[in-house]
């Protein structure tokens, strides 16, 4: 495991100009494929703890690159984390990041088109930018991937759709939410496979292009509804997309196996096109798991600020740049990938929209290079708040306050706030100072709740 020490970040502020973001002549820009699963729990991969099924292809990314053992999503639900990924900033800085998650029909809430994004900034460095899969950052006509830096889009705007009819809340009952650009399209097939097919087509185009590719491949799996690849007839009987309808452990396993097979096809295509060594692969999840997920050794689930709701699998492969089989205990978050991938591409965040994230490349290349940092969360349901610094985590939920030593208490059982009052006070003060710089929740912002199955039940 890495030792923890403070280091000076190499991601210094630079002036934003065409020269600052232009392609560096000394190094070929890598292709970048960012794969995000949806509601995949920390231990839902065989690499991280599942024994009921295997995920050899996703596992191989960690085995051939770096696995971040202390990695977090920016939120315990979907769209706020995606906001943080897109902007490289705490989602609470933007109105669209305050809905947990963004709902259907809210045309005034989303990712502002004028805000620089990981896609728009990479495009300025010369990348061809493509989103395949889930958007969930606002409804058209006001918001869309094509307004926020992506050259091409194939996927869904909704938070979740049926895997066979592709209908979701944003398109209306029985209407496909699958889109090619701005146009709704009808395709027959299992959505995970359809998204994989399109991703492969985009890689093929990149192989014939003189431009590097940034591909956001955002699967909907294993988000509900609980439908495996062979469940089309069963899915037709389900009358709604509510996540409490149907589902079994075996169905969930098939959904994750299908996800893994899709990732395997992407990796095989890169190899067949001779792109493996010129491509960065990132794999992670947008939040912790729910219902059928495994989060061990943590507790909690989606919608909680317990570790199970925010700890996620995270791995990064870049042959020749990141050592195979490496492991980092750097506390990492979704928002870190904007500065990280821009650094890899020879770019930088926009100075008027500075990133709250850190460049992770130095810690993937230097054993012992973990940086001490304090990171923060809040969540409207249960008035939850959390801060982590080193081994210590402060948590507040429903007016109750806790201090946990995560190095020795991964399940967050032993409350040490009275045993270590100074550490507890420091983290509380740090959270208050941070929160004062964020937007307040509006009264009408929605928030997903676990209905007593997660943190609200465990710690009330």
Protein backbone atom coordinates (compact mmCIF):
# COMPACT_ATOMS: atom_id res chain seq x y z
CA UNK A 1 0.00 0.00 0.00
CA UNK A 2 1.10 3.55 -0.61
CA UNK A 3 2.31 5.70 2.28
CA UNK A 4 0.65 9.07 2.69
CA UNK A 5 2.55 12.29 2.26
CA UNK A 6 1.87 15.74 0.92
CA UNK A 7 3.21 16.71 -2.46
CA UNK A 8 3.05 19.78 -4.63
CA UNK A 9 0.61 19.26 -7.49
CA UNK A 10 2.04 19.48 -10.96
CA UNK A 11 -1.27 20.86 -12.19
CA UNK A 12 -0.34 24.54 -11.72
CA UNK A 13 -2.59 27.28 -12.98
CA UNK A 14 -1.93 28.31 -16.57
CA UNK A 15 -3.33 31.04 -18.74
CA UNK A 16 -6.21 29.88 -20.91
CA UNK A 17 -5.35 30.41 -24.56
CA UNK A 18 -5.16 28.47 -27.77
CA UNK A 19 -1.49 27.89 -27.05
CA UNK A 20 -2.16 26.60 -23.54
CA UNK A 21 -4.57 23.95 -24.71
CA UNK A 22 -2.95 23.08 -28.03
CA UNK A 23 -1.61 19.62 -28.65
CA UNK A 24 1.90 19.18 -27.32
CA UNK A 25 4.33 18.38 -30.09
CA UNK A 26 6.51 16.18 -27.93
CA UNK A 27 3.94 13.48 -27.17
CA UNK A 28 1.14 11.87 -29.09
CA UNK A 29 -2.20 12.50 -27.45
CA UNK A 30 -3.78 9.28 -26.19
CA UNK A 31 -7.28 8.17 -27.02
CA UNK A 32 -9.42 8.27 -23.89
CA UNK A 33 -12.32 5.93 -23.12
CA UNK A 34 -14.16 6.73 -19.90
CA UNK A 35 -16.48 3.88 -18.91
CA UNK A 36 -19.06 4.60 -16.23
CA UNK A 37 -21.37 1.94 -14.84
CA UNK A 38 -24.66 2.91 -13.22
CA UNK A 39 -25.38 1.90 -9.59
CA UNK A 40 -22.53 -0.62 -9.51
CA UNK A 41 -21.55 -1.31 -5.91
CA UNK A 42 -17.97 -1.35 -4.70
CA UNK A 43 -17.81 -5.15 -4.48
CA UNK A 44 -19.94 -6.01 -7.53
CA UNK A 45 -16.83 -7.03 -9.51
CA UNK A 46 -14.95 -10.25 -8.96
CA UNK A 47 -11.82 -8.09 -8.56
CA UNK A 48 -13.39 -6.29 -5.60
CA UNK A 49 -15.20 -9.14 -3.88
CA UNK A 50 -17.95 -10.88 -5.86
CA UNK A 51 -17.75 -14.65 -5.77
CA UNK A 52 -21.14 -15.47 -7.35
CA UNK A 53 -19.98 -14.48 -10.85
CA UNK A 54 -16.85 -13.30 -12.65
CA UNK A 55 -16.06 -10.00 -14.39
CA UNK A 56 -12.74 -10.85 -16.09
CA UNK A 57 -12.73 -8.02 -18.63
CA UNK A 58 -13.36 -5.17 -16.21
CA UNK A 59 -10.96 -6.81 -13.75
CA UNK A 60 -8.27 -6.78 -16.44
CA UNK A 61 -8.30 -2.95 -16.50
CA UNK A 62 -7.17 -2.94 -12.86
CA UNK A 63 -4.77 -5.83 -13.41
CA UNK A 64 -3.13 -4.02 -16.32
CA UNK A 65 -3.26 -0.57 -14.73
CA UNK A 66 -3.89 1.14 -11.40
CA UNK A 67 -6.70 0.36 -8.96
CA UNK A 68 -7.75 3.18 -6.62
CA UNK A 69 -8.61 1.47 -3.36
CA UNK A 70 -9.90 4.67 -1.68
CA UNK A 71 -12.11 5.98 -4.50
CA UNK A 72 -15.40 7.83 -4.20
CA UNK A 73 -18.25 9.06 -6.32
CA UNK A 74 -19.02 12.74 -5.91
CA UNK A 75 -22.56 11.86 -4.84
CA UNK A 76 -24.56 8.88 -3.70
CA UNK A 77 -26.91 9.28 -6.68
CA UNK A 78 -26.50 9.60 -10.39
CA UNK A 79 -26.86 13.04 -11.97
CA UNK A 80 -24.88 15.02 -9.34
CA UNK A 81 -21.90 12.71 -9.88
CA UNK A 82 -22.19 13.15 -13.64
CA UNK A 83 -22.26 16.92 -13.13
CA UNK A 84 -18.99 16.65 -11.18
CA UNK A 85 -17.42 14.48 -13.87
CA UNK A 86 -18.41 16.91 -16.63
CA UNK A 87 -17.21 20.05 -14.84
CA UNK A 88 -14.38 18.76 -12.62
CA UNK A 89 -15.99 20.65 -9.75
CA UNK A 90 -18.19 19.96 -6.75
CA UNK A 91 -21.65 19.64 -8.23
CA UNK A 92 -23.06 21.88 -5.50
CA UNK A 93 -21.55 24.87 -7.32
CA UNK A 94 -24.24 24.56 -10.02
CA UNK A 95 -28.00 24.64 -9.70
CA UNK A 96 -28.29 21.46 -11.76
CA UNK A 97 -26.15 19.61 -9.24
CA UNK A 98 -28.60 20.27 -6.40
CA UNK A 99 -31.33 17.93 -7.68
CA UNK A 100 -30.53 14.48 -6.32
CA UNK A 101 -31.19 13.32 -9.00
CA UNK A 102 -32.47 15.51 -11.85
CA UNK A 103 -36.05 14.49 -12.64
CA UNK A 104 -38.08 14.36 -15.79
CA UNK A 105 -39.61 17.45 -17.34
CA UNK A 106 -37.43 19.96 -15.50
CA UNK A 107 -36.36 21.94 -18.54
CA UNK A 108 -34.72 24.66 -16.45
CA UNK A 109 -32.35 22.32 -14.58
CA UNK A 110 -29.24 20.79 -16.10
CA UNK A 111 -25.63 21.30 -17.09
CA UNK A 112 -25.35 24.90 -18.39
CA UNK A 113 -24.17 24.83 -22.02
CA UNK A 114 -21.86 27.79 -21.36
CA UNK A 115 -19.93 25.93 -18.64
CA UNK A 116 -16.64 24.36 -19.84
CA UNK A 117 -16.72 20.57 -19.62
CA UNK A 118 -14.28 17.72 -19.87
CA UNK A 119 -15.61 17.19 -23.40
CA UNK A 120 -15.41 20.82 -24.54
CA UNK A 121 -11.92 21.29 -23.08
CA UNK A 122 -10.63 18.10 -24.72
CA UNK A 123 -12.24 19.13 -27.98
CA UNK A 124 -10.23 22.36 -27.82
CA UNK A 125 -7.04 20.30 -27.57
CA UNK A 126 -7.94 18.51 -30.80
CA UNK A 127 -10.09 15.59 -29.65
CA UNK A 128 -13.12 14.15 -31.38
CA UNK A 129 -15.64 13.87 -28.53
CA UNK A 130 -18.42 11.30 -28.30
CA UNK A 131 -20.94 10.31 -25.63
CA UNK A 132 -22.45 6.86 -25.95
CA UNK A 133 -24.98 5.98 -23.25
CA UNK A 134 -26.56 7.86 -20.39
CA UNK A 135 -26.62 11.67 -20.22
CA UNK A 136 -29.00 12.57 -17.33
CA UNK A 137 -27.82 16.17 -17.11
CA UNK A 138 -30.95 17.95 -18.23
CA UNK A 139 -33.77 17.67 -20.74
CA UNK A 140 -33.85 19.07 -24.26
CA UNK A 141 -34.22 21.60 -25.70
CA UNK A 142 -32.26 23.53 -23.07
CA UNK A 143 -29.67 20.86 -22.27
CA UNK A 144 -27.99 18.08 -24.22
CA UNK A 145 -24.56 16.52 -24.77
CA UNK A 146 -24.30 18.33 -28.10
CA UNK A 147 -24.58 21.64 -26.25
CA UNK A 148 -21.85 20.67 -23.76
CA UNK A 149 -18.83 19.75 -25.82
CA UNK A 150 -19.70 16.45 -27.46
CA UNK A 151 -19.47 16.22 -31.25
CA UNK A 152 -21.67 13.13 -31.33
CA UNK A 153 -24.23 11.54 -29.02
CA UNK A 154 -25.95 8.18 -29.06
CA UNK A 155 -27.84 7.18 -25.94
CA UNK A 156 -30.52 8.29 -23.52
CA UNK A 157 -31.31 11.56 -21.77
CA UNK A 158 -33.22 9.86 -18.92
CA UNK A 159 -32.04 8.56 -15.59
CA UNK A 160 -33.24 5.06 -16.49
CA UNK A 161 -34.99 3.24 -19.30
CA UNK A 162 -36.30 -0.22 -20.05
CA UNK A 163 -33.50 -2.35 -21.49
CA UNK A 164 -35.66 -3.60 -24.39
CA UNK A 165 -38.18 -0.87 -25.23
CA UNK A 166 -35.70 1.88 -24.29
CA UNK A 167 -38.62 3.92 -22.97
CA UNK A 168 -38.06 6.23 -20.04
CA UNK A 169 -39.55 9.07 -18.11
CA UNK A 170 -38.17 11.86 -20.29
CA UNK A 171 -39.62 10.45 -23.52
CA UNK A 172 -43.01 9.48 -22.10
CA UNK A 173 -44.59 6.05 -21.48
CA UNK A 174 -43.98 3.61 -24.31
CA UNK A 175 -41.80 6.06 -26.27
CA UNK A 176 -38.16 5.31 -26.88
CA UNK A 177 -35.67 7.65 -25.23
CA UNK A 178 -32.84 6.28 -27.36
CA UNK A 179 -31.42 9.06 -29.48
CA UNK A 180 -28.90 9.44 -32.27
CA UNK A 181 -27.93 13.07 -31.88
CA UNK A 182 -31.19 14.91 -31.30
CA UNK A 183 -33.36 12.37 -33.10
CA UNK A 184 -35.29 9.64 -31.28
CA UNK A 185 -34.53 6.26 -32.86
CA UNK A 186 -35.93 2.77 -32.49
CA UNK A 187 -33.57 -0.16 -32.16
CA UNK A 188 -34.40 -3.72 -31.24
CA UNK A 189 -32.15 -5.32 -28.69
CA UNK A 190 -30.74 -5.24 -25.18
CA UNK A 191 -29.54 -1.74 -24.37
CA UNK A 192 -26.14 -2.77 -22.98
CA UNK A 193 -25.38 -4.56 -26.26
CA UNK A 194 -26.66 -1.66 -28.37
CA UNK A 195 -24.43 0.80 -26.54
CA UNK A 196 -21.44 -1.51 -26.93
CA UNK A 197 -22.10 -1.83 -30.66
CA UNK A 198 -22.11 1.94 -31.08
CA UNK A 199 -18.97 2.37 -28.97
CA UNK A 200 -17.15 -0.11 -31.19
CA UNK A 201 -18.30 1.77 -34.28
CA UNK A 202 -16.89 4.99 -32.82
CA UNK A 203 -13.56 3.29 -32.09
CA UNK A 204 -13.46 2.05 -35.68
CA UNK A 205 -13.96 5.63 -36.88
CA UNK A 206 -11.18 6.78 -34.58
CA UNK A 207 -8.81 4.16 -35.98
CA UNK A 208 -9.25 5.73 -39.41
CA UNK A 209 -9.03 9.31 -38.15
CA UNK A 210 -6.08 11.61 -37.52
CA UNK A 211 -7.82 12.94 -34.40
CA UNK A 212 -7.60 11.38 -30.93
CA UNK A 213 -10.88 10.10 -29.51
CA UNK A 214 -12.53 10.98 -26.23
CA UNK A 215 -15.33 8.47 -25.76
CA UNK A 216 -17.61 8.69 -22.75
CA UNK A 217 -19.17 5.22 -22.59
CA UNK A 218 -21.83 5.55 -19.92
CA UNK A 219 -23.73 2.29 -19.55
CA UNK A 220 -27.09 2.14 -17.79
CA UNK A 221 -26.24 -1.25 -16.26
CA UNK A 222 -26.86 -2.44 -13.64
CA UNK A 223 -29.44 0.29 -12.88
CA UNK A 224 -33.03 -0.95 -12.60
CA UNK A 225 -35.31 -2.18 -14.15
CA UNK A 226 -33.99 -5.62 -13.29
CA UNK A 227 -33.73 -7.17 -16.76
CA UNK A 228 -31.04 -9.49 -18.05
CA UNK A 229 -30.26 -10.06 -21.74
CA UNK A 230 -32.73 -13.00 -21.95
CA UNK A 231 -35.59 -11.28 -20.12
CA UNK A 232 -37.42 -9.55 -22.97
CA UNK A 233 -40.61 -11.57 -22.52
CA UNK A 234 -40.55 -11.07 -18.75
CA UNK A 235 -39.83 -7.36 -19.15
CA UNK A 236 -42.98 -6.96 -21.24
CA UNK A 237 -45.03 -7.89 -18.17
CA UNK A 238 -43.54 -5.15 -16.00
CA UNK A 239 -45.85 -2.15 -16.01
CA UNK A 240 -43.48 0.45 -14.59
CA UNK A 241 -39.82 1.29 -14.19
CA UNK A 242 -39.98 1.37 -10.38
CA UNK A 243 -36.89 -0.24 -8.97
CA UNK A 244 -38.89 -2.30 -6.49
CA UNK A 245 -40.57 -4.21 -9.33
CA UNK A 246 -39.14 -7.69 -9.90
CA UNK A 247 -35.50 -8.62 -9.82
CA UNK A 248 -33.43 -11.45 -8.36
CA UNK A 249 -29.81 -11.99 -7.45
CA UNK A 250 -29.37 -14.09 -10.58
CA UNK A 251 -30.91 -11.38 -12.78
CA UNK A 252 -28.52 -8.82 -11.32
CA UNK A 253 -25.63 -11.19 -11.99
CA UNK A 254 -26.66 -11.47 -15.65
CA UNK A 255 -26.85 -7.68 -15.95
CA UNK A 256 -23.31 -7.29 -14.62
CA UNK A 257 -22.02 -10.17 -16.75
CA UNK A 258 -23.49 -8.44 -19.80
CA UNK A 259 -21.78 -5.20 -18.78
CA UNK A 260 -18.49 -7.03 -18.43
CA UNK A 261 -18.92 -8.72 -21.81
CA UNK A 262 -19.52 -5.31 -23.39
CA UNK A 263 -16.35 -3.91 -21.85
CA UNK A 264 -14.53 -7.00 -23.10
CA UNK A 265 -15.70 -6.32 -26.67
CA UNK A 266 -14.47 -2.73 -26.41
CA UNK A 267 -11.06 -3.86 -25.16
CA UNK A 268 -10.84 -6.49 -27.90
CA UNK A 269 -11.65 -3.89 -30.54
CA UNK A 270 -8.88 -1.63 -29.29
CA UNK A 271 -6.46 -4.54 -29.49
CA UNK A 272 -7.61 -5.54 -32.98
CA UNK A 273 -7.20 -1.96 -34.25
CA UNK A 274 -3.76 -1.59 -32.72
CA UNK A 275 -4.95 1.12 -30.30
CA UNK A 276 -4.38 -0.53 -26.92
CA UNK A 277 -1.08 1.20 -26.16
CA UNK A 278 -2.36 4.57 -27.34
CA UNK A 279 -5.51 4.54 -25.22
CA UNK A 280 -6.32 5.47 -21.63
CA UNK A 281 -9.15 3.40 -20.16
CA UNK A 282 -10.98 4.51 -17.02
CA UNK A 283 -13.68 2.43 -15.36
CA UNK A 284 -15.82 3.49 -12.41
CA UNK A 285 -19.42 3.81 -11.17
CA UNK A 286 -21.60 6.87 -10.61
CA UNK A 287 -22.48 5.93 -7.01
CA UNK A 288 -22.74 2.98 -4.67
CA UNK A 289 -24.98 0.01 -5.30
CA UNK A 290 -28.53 -0.72 -4.25
CA UNK A 291 -30.85 -3.64 -3.58
CA UNK A 292 -28.95 -6.58 -5.16
CA UNK A 293 -25.49 -5.00 -4.99
CA UNK A 294 -22.61 -6.03 -2.78
CA UNK A 295 -20.76 -3.24 -0.97
CA UNK A 296 -18.77 -5.33 1.55
CA UNK A 297 -16.65 -4.50 3.55
CA UNK A 298 -18.72 -1.29 3.75
CA UNK A 299 -22.27 -0.55 4.87
CA UNK A 300 -24.99 1.60 3.35
CA UNK A 301 -26.27 1.92 -0.19
CA UNK A 302 -27.23 4.38 -2.91
CA UNK A 303 -28.68 7.50 -1.28
CA UNK A 304 -26.46 7.22 1.81
CA UNK A 305 -23.24 8.97 2.74
CA UNK A 306 -22.11 5.82 4.49
CA UNK A 307 -19.23 4.29 2.54
CA UNK A 308 -21.48 1.85 0.69
CA UNK A 309 -23.33 4.74 -0.90
CA UNK A 310 -20.28 6.62 -2.17
CA UNK A 311 -17.33 4.19 -2.37
CA UNK A 312 -16.96 2.88 -5.91
CA UNK A 313 -14.63 0.70 -7.94
CA UNK A 314 -12.20 2.93 -9.87
CA UNK A 315 -9.35 1.90 -12.13
CA UNK A 316 -7.22 3.42 -14.88
CA UNK A 317 -5.09 1.75 -17.56
CA UNK A 318 -2.50 3.47 -19.76
CA UNK A 319 0.11 1.04 -21.09
CA UNK A 320 3.63 2.38 -20.87
CA UNK A 321 2.57 5.20 -18.55
CA UNK A 322 0.88 3.43 -15.63
CA UNK A 323 2.45 0.28 -14.21
CA UNK A 324 0.39 -2.88 -14.55
CA UNK A 325 -0.97 -4.23 -11.27
CA UNK A 326 -0.35 -1.00 -9.37
CA UNK A 327 -2.56 0.13 -6.52
CA UNK A 328 -3.07 3.57 -5.02
CA UNK A 329 -4.54 4.47 -1.65
CA UNK A 330 -4.98 8.07 -2.79
CA UNK A 331 -8.40 9.40 -1.82
CA UNK A 332 -9.85 9.98 -5.27
CA UNK A 333 -13.18 11.35 -6.53
CA UNK A 334 -15.09 11.48 -9.79
CA UNK A 335 -14.27 15.17 -10.30
CA UNK A 336 -10.54 14.34 -10.39
CA UNK A 337 -10.78 13.00 -13.91
CA UNK A 338 -11.19 16.39 -15.57
CA UNK A 339 -7.76 17.64 -14.47
CA UNK A 340 -6.25 14.15 -14.82
CA UNK A 341 -7.34 13.51 -18.39
CA UNK A 342 -6.66 17.08 -19.48
CA UNK A 343 -3.12 16.72 -18.13
CA UNK A 344 -2.71 13.50 -20.11
CA UNK A 345 -3.92 15.29 -23.24
CA UNK A 346 -1.73 18.37 -22.77
CA UNK A 347 -4.57 20.65 -21.71
CA UNK A 348 -5.72 22.33 -18.51
CA UNK A 349 -8.94 23.39 -16.76
CA UNK A 350 -10.38 26.78 -17.64
CA UNK A 351 -9.03 29.30 -15.08
CA UNK A 352 -12.42 30.98 -14.67
CA UNK A 353 -13.88 27.59 -13.74
CA UNK A 354 -11.09 26.04 -11.65
CA UNK A 355 -11.37 22.37 -10.89
CA UNK A 356 -11.94 21.15 -7.34
CA UNK A 357 -10.32 17.88 -8.36
CA UNK A 358 -6.69 16.82 -8.43
CA UNK A 359 -4.53 15.39 -11.18
CA UNK A 360 -4.19 11.70 -10.36
CA UNK A 361 -1.41 10.97 -12.86
CA UNK A 362 1.46 11.66 -10.39
CA UNK A 363 0.11 9.14 -7.88
CA UNK A 364 -0.20 6.47 -10.58
CA UNK A 365 3.45 6.91 -11.50
CA UNK A 366 5.21 7.28 -8.16
CA UNK A 367 4.99 4.80 -5.31
CA UNK A 368 4.36 6.70 -2.09
CA UNK A 369 2.97 9.80 -3.80
CA UNK A 370 -0.43 9.90 -2.11
CA UNK A 371 -1.49 13.43 -1.19
CA UNK A 372 -3.33 14.36 1.98
CA UNK A 373 -6.61 16.08 1.13
CA UNK A 374 -9.97 16.76 2.69
CA UNK A 375 -13.03 15.96 0.60
CA UNK A 376 -16.67 16.71 1.29
CA UNK A 377 -20.22 15.59 0.58
CA UNK A 378 -23.71 16.62 1.50
CA UNK A 379 -27.07 15.08 0.70
CA UNK A 380 -30.49 16.61 1.18
CA UNK A 381 -32.36 13.49 2.33
CA UNK A 382 -31.69 13.01 6.03
CA UNK A 383 -29.71 16.29 6.09
CA UNK A 384 -26.57 14.26 5.53
CA UNK A 385 -23.06 15.70 5.61
CA UNK A 386 -19.66 14.05 5.42
CA UNK A 387 -15.98 14.96 5.31
CA UNK A 388 -12.94 12.72 5.00
CA UNK A 389 -9.32 13.50 5.81
CA UNK A 390 -6.84 10.67 5.97
CA UNK A 391 -8.27 7.81 8.02
CA UNK A 392 -10.97 10.00 9.62
CA UNK A 393 -14.52 10.58 8.44
CA UNK A 394 -17.09 12.93 9.95
CA UNK A 395 -20.71 12.04 9.27
CA UNK A 396 -23.99 13.74 10.15
CA UNK A 397 -27.44 12.32 9.44
CA UNK A 398 -30.82 13.39 10.82
CA UNK A 399 -29.10 15.56 13.43
CA UNK A 400 -26.86 12.76 14.74
CA UNK A 401 -23.09 13.21 14.46
CA UNK A 402 -20.30 10.65 14.14
CA UNK A 403 -16.56 10.30 13.76
CA UNK A 404 -15.25 7.08 12.23
CA UNK A 405 -11.75 5.67 11.85
CA UNK A 406 -12.02 4.10 8.41
CA UNK A 407 -8.65 2.40 8.67
CA UNK A 408 -9.95 0.19 11.50
CA UNK A 409 -13.73 0.43 11.14
CA UNK A 410 -14.77 0.15 7.51
CA UNK A 411 -18.40 -0.53 8.47
CA UNK A 412 -18.62 2.74 10.41
CA UNK A 413 -19.87 1.24 13.64
CA UNK A 414 -17.75 2.84 16.39
CA UNK A 415 -18.51 6.53 17.00
CA UNK A 416 -15.28 8.18 18.16
CA UNK A 417 -16.33 11.83 18.28
CA UNK A 418 -16.01 11.98 22.07
CA UNK A 419 -12.71 10.06 22.10
CA UNK A 420 -11.13 12.41 19.53
CA UNK A 421 -12.94 15.74 20.00
CA UNK A 422 -10.28 17.86 18.32
CA UNK A 423 -10.29 15.82 15.11
CA UNK A 424 -14.09 15.82 15.11
CA UNK A 425 -14.22 19.60 15.61
CA UNK A 426 -11.64 20.20 12.86
CA UNK A 427 -13.61 18.16 10.32
CA UNK A 428 -16.88 19.82 11.28
CA UNK A 429 -15.32 23.25 10.90
CA UNK A 430 -13.77 22.30 7.58
CA UNK A 431 -17.14 21.06 6.32
CA UNK A 432 -18.88 24.27 7.41
CA UNK A 433 -16.27 26.41 5.69
CA UNK A 434 -16.58 24.36 2.50
CA UNK A 435 -20.38 24.36 2.61
CA UNK A 436 -20.43 28.15 2.87
CA UNK A 437 -18.89 28.27 -0.62
CA UNK A 438 -21.56 26.01 -2.15
CA UNK A 439 -25.09 26.85 -3.34
CA UNK A 440 -27.91 26.16 -0.87
CA UNK A 441 -30.53 23.59 -1.74
CA UNK A 442 -33.69 25.17 -3.14
CA UNK A 443 -36.85 24.12 -1.36
CA UNK A 444 -38.12 22.20 -4.39
CA UNK A 445 -34.98 20.19 -5.19
CA UNK A 446 -35.77 16.45 -5.18
CA UNK A 447 -33.75 13.86 -3.31
CA UNK A 448 -33.66 10.09 -3.64
CA UNK A 449 -34.23 8.24 -0.38
CA UNK A 450 -33.48 4.67 0.59
CA UNK A 451 -36.82 4.32 2.39
CA UNK A 452 -35.15 3.10 5.57
CA UNK A 453 -33.07 0.36 3.95
CA UNK A 454 -29.69 2.06 4.30
CA UNK A 455 -28.10 4.76 6.42
CA UNK A 456 -31.35 6.19 7.75
CA UNK A 457 -32.14 2.82 9.29
CA UNK A 458 -28.62 1.88 10.41
CA UNK A 459 -27.71 5.12 12.16
CA UNK A 460 -31.02 6.55 13.40
